[in-house]
Amino acid sequence: MDTAAVTTELQDAAENASRRVRDRSAMRKACEEMDRIRNDVKRRLGSIEVAVDLVREARDE
């Protein structure tokens, strides 16, 4: 997906959110894409526990 297409999609999503429009099809598509990306990252890098390290750092400050 090119930058212009991503920008347009993001603008549309922001406008819908500001008008409280819930596009079920777009929501489903976004969930599927997030799942695909998450699984790809997990496959390539394994389990990443960033939040645990951030909480520990914040607690120690």
N, C-alpha and C. Protein backbone atom coordinates (compact mmCIF):
# COMPACT_ATOMS: atom_id res chain seq x y z
N MET A 1 0.85 -1.18 0.00
CA MET A 1 0.00 0.00 0.00
C MET A 1 0.89 1.23 0.00
N ASP A 2 0.61 2.17 -0.88
CA ASP A 2 1.45 3.37 -0.97
C ASP A 2 1.07 4.40 0.09
N THR A 3 1.92 5.39 0.25
CA THR A 3 1.73 6.40 1.29
C THR A 3 0.42 7.18 1.11
N ALA A 4 0.08 7.51 -0.11
CA ALA A 4 -1.15 8.27 -0.36
C ALA A 4 -2.37 7.45 0.04
N ALA A 5 -2.36 6.17 -0.25
CA ALA A 5 -3.49 5.31 0.11
C ALA A 5 -3.61 5.18 1.63
N VAL A 6 -2.48 5.04 2.29
CA VAL A 6 -2.49 4.93 3.76
C VAL A 6 -3.00 6.23 4.37
N THR A 7 -2.54 7.36 3.84
CA THR A 7 -2.98 8.66 4.35
C THR A 7 -4.48 8.84 4.17
N THR A 8 -4.99 8.47 3.02
CA THR A 8 -6.43 8.58 2.76
C THR A 8 -7.22 7.68 3.69
N GLU A 9 -6.75 6.45 3.87
CA GLU A 9 -7.43 5.51 4.76
C GLU A 9 -7.43 6.02 6.20
N LEU A 10 -6.32 6.58 6.63
CA LEU A 10 -6.21 7.12 7.98
C LEU A 10 -7.12 8.33 8.17
N GLN A 11 -7.18 9.20 7.17
CA GLN A 11 -8.06 10.37 7.25
C GLN A 11 -9.53 9.93 7.32
N ASP A 12 -9.90 8.95 6.50
CA ASP A 12 -11.27 8.44 6.53
C ASP A 12 -11.61 7.86 7.90
N ALA A 13 -10.68 7.10 8.45
CA ALA A 13 -10.91 6.50 9.77
C ALA A 13 -11.05 7.57 10.84
N ALA A 14 -10.22 8.61 10.77
CA ALA A 14 -10.29 9.69 11.75
C ALA A 14 -11.60 10.45 11.64
N GLU A 15 -12.04 10.71 10.42
CA GLU A 15 -13.32 11.40 10.22
C GLU A 15 -14.48 10.56 10.76
N ASN A 16 -14.47 9.27 10.46
CA ASN A 16 -15.52 8.38 10.97
C ASN A 16 -15.52 8.36 12.50
N ALA A 17 -14.33 8.29 13.09
CA ALA A 17 -14.24 8.27 14.54
C ALA A 17 -14.76 9.57 15.15
N SER A 18 -14.44 10.70 14.52
CA SER A 18 -14.89 11.99 15.05
C SER A 18 -16.41 12.14 14.95
N ARG A 19 -17.01 11.47 13.97
CA ARG A 19 -18.47 11.51 13.81
C ARG A 19 -19.16 10.34 14.50
N ARG A 20 -18.36 9.52 15.19
CA ARG A 20 -18.86 8.34 15.90
C ARG A 20 -19.54 7.34 14.97
N VAL A 21 -19.02 7.24 13.74
CA VAL A 21 -19.53 6.28 12.76
C VAL A 21 -18.75 4.98 12.94
N ARG A 22 -19.47 3.88 13.11
CA ARG A 22 -18.83 2.58 13.29
C ARG A 22 -19.04 1.74 12.03
N ASP A 23 -18.01 1.67 11.23
CA ASP A 23 -18.03 0.89 9.99
C ASP A 23 -17.54 -0.52 10.32
N ARG A 24 -18.48 -1.44 10.48
CA ARG A 24 -18.15 -2.81 10.90
C ARG A 24 -17.17 -3.48 9.94
N SER A 25 -17.34 -3.24 8.66
CA SER A 25 -16.45 -3.85 7.66
C SER A 25 -15.02 -3.33 7.83
N ALA A 26 -14.88 -2.03 8.01
CA ALA A 26 -13.55 -1.44 8.20
C ALA A 26 -12.93 -1.91 9.51
N MET A 27 -13.76 -2.04 10.55
CA MET A 27 -13.26 -2.51 11.84
C MET A 27 -12.76 -3.95 11.72
N ARG A 28 -13.50 -4.78 11.03
CA ARG A 28 -13.10 -6.18 10.84
C ARG A 28 -11.80 -6.26 10.04
N LYS A 29 -11.71 -5.44 8.99
CA LYS A 29 -10.50 -5.42 8.16
C LYS A 29 -9.28 -4.98 8.99
N ALA A 30 -9.47 -3.97 9.82
CA ALA A 30 -8.38 -3.48 10.66
C ALA A 30 -7.93 -4.55 11.65
N CYS A 31 -8.88 -5.24 12.25
CA CYS A 31 -8.55 -6.32 13.20
C CYS A 31 -7.78 -7.43 12.51
N GLU A 32 -8.22 -7.81 11.32
CA GLU A 32 -7.53 -8.87 10.58
C GLU A 32 -6.10 -8.45 10.24
N GLU A 33 -5.93 -7.18 9.85
CA GLU A 33 -4.59 -6.71 9.51
C GLU A 33 -3.69 -6.64 10.75
N MET A 34 -4.25 -6.18 11.88
CA MET A 34 -3.46 -6.14 13.12
C MET A 34 -3.06 -7.55 13.55
N ASP A 35 -3.98 -8.51 13.43
CA ASP A 35 -3.66 -9.90 13.76
C ASP A 35 -2.55 -10.43 12.86
N ARG A 36 -2.65 -10.13 11.56
CA ARG A 36 -1.64 -10.59 10.60
C ARG A 36 -0.27 -10.01 10.94
N ILE A 37 -0.24 -8.72 11.24
CA ILE A 37 1.03 -8.07 11.57
C ILE A 37 1.60 -8.63 12.87
N ARG A 38 0.75 -8.77 13.89
CA ARG A 38 1.20 -9.31 15.18
C ARG A 38 1.78 -10.71 15.00
N ASN A 39 1.09 -11.56 14.24
CA ASN A 39 1.58 -12.92 14.02
C ASN A 39 2.89 -12.93 13.24
N ASP A 40 3.02 -12.02 12.28
CA ASP A 40 4.26 -11.93 11.50
C ASP A 40 5.42 -11.51 12.39
N VAL A 41 5.21 -10.52 13.24
CA VAL A 41 6.26 -10.07 14.16
C VAL A 41 6.63 -11.18 15.13
N LYS A 42 5.62 -11.87 15.66
CA LYS A 42 5.89 -12.96 16.61
C LYS A 42 6.65 -14.09 15.93
N ARG A 43 6.30 -14.38 14.68
CA ARG A 43 6.99 -15.43 13.93
C ARG A 43 8.46 -15.05 13.71
N ARG A 44 8.71 -13.78 13.38
CA ARG A 44 10.07 -13.34 13.08
C ARG A 44 10.91 -13.11 14.33
N LEU A 45 10.31 -12.56 15.39
CA LEU A 45 11.08 -12.13 16.55
C LEU A 45 10.81 -12.93 17.82
N GLY A 46 9.76 -13.73 17.81
CA GLY A 46 9.39 -14.45 19.02
C GLY A 46 8.57 -13.55 19.93
N SER A 47 8.36 -14.02 21.13
CA SER A 47 7.57 -13.26 22.09
C SER A 47 8.38 -12.07 22.61
N ILE A 48 7.76 -10.91 22.61
CA ILE A 48 8.44 -9.69 23.06
C ILE A 48 7.67 -9.15 24.26
N GLU A 49 8.36 -9.01 25.38
CA GLU A 49 7.71 -8.53 26.59
C GLU A 49 8.24 -7.14 26.94
N VAL A 50 7.89 -6.19 26.12
CA VAL A 50 8.34 -4.81 26.29
C VAL A 50 7.68 -4.17 27.49
N ALA A 51 6.40 -4.42 27.69
CA ALA A 51 5.65 -3.77 28.77
C ALA A 51 6.25 -4.10 30.13
N VAL A 52 6.68 -5.32 30.33
CA VAL A 52 7.26 -5.73 31.61
C VAL A 52 8.49 -4.88 31.91
N ASP A 53 9.37 -4.73 30.93
CA ASP A 53 10.58 -3.92 31.12
C ASP A 53 10.23 -2.46 31.39
N LEU A 54 9.25 -1.92 30.68
CA LEU A 54 8.86 -0.52 30.89
C LEU A 54 8.29 -0.30 32.28
N VAL A 55 7.48 -1.22 32.77
CA VAL A 55 6.92 -1.10 34.12
C VAL A 55 8.03 -1.16 35.15
N ARG A 56 8.96 -2.07 34.97
CA ARG A 56 10.08 -2.18 35.91
C ARG A 56 10.92 -0.91 35.93
N GLU A 57 11.19 -0.34 34.74
CA GLU A 57 11.96 0.90 34.67
C GLU A 57 11.22 2.04 35.37
N ALA A 58 9.93 2.16 35.14
CA ALA A 58 9.13 3.23 35.74
C ALA A 58 9.10 3.09 37.25
N ARG A 59 9.01 1.86 37.72
CA ARG A 59 8.93 1.61 39.16
C ARG A 59 10.25 1.97 39.84
N ASP A 60 11.37 1.74 39.16
CA ASP A 60 12.69 1.97 39.74
C ASP A 60 13.09 3.44 39.75
N GLU A 61 12.37 4.29 39.00
CA GLU A 61 12.74 5.71 38.94
C GLU A 61 12.34 6.45 40.18
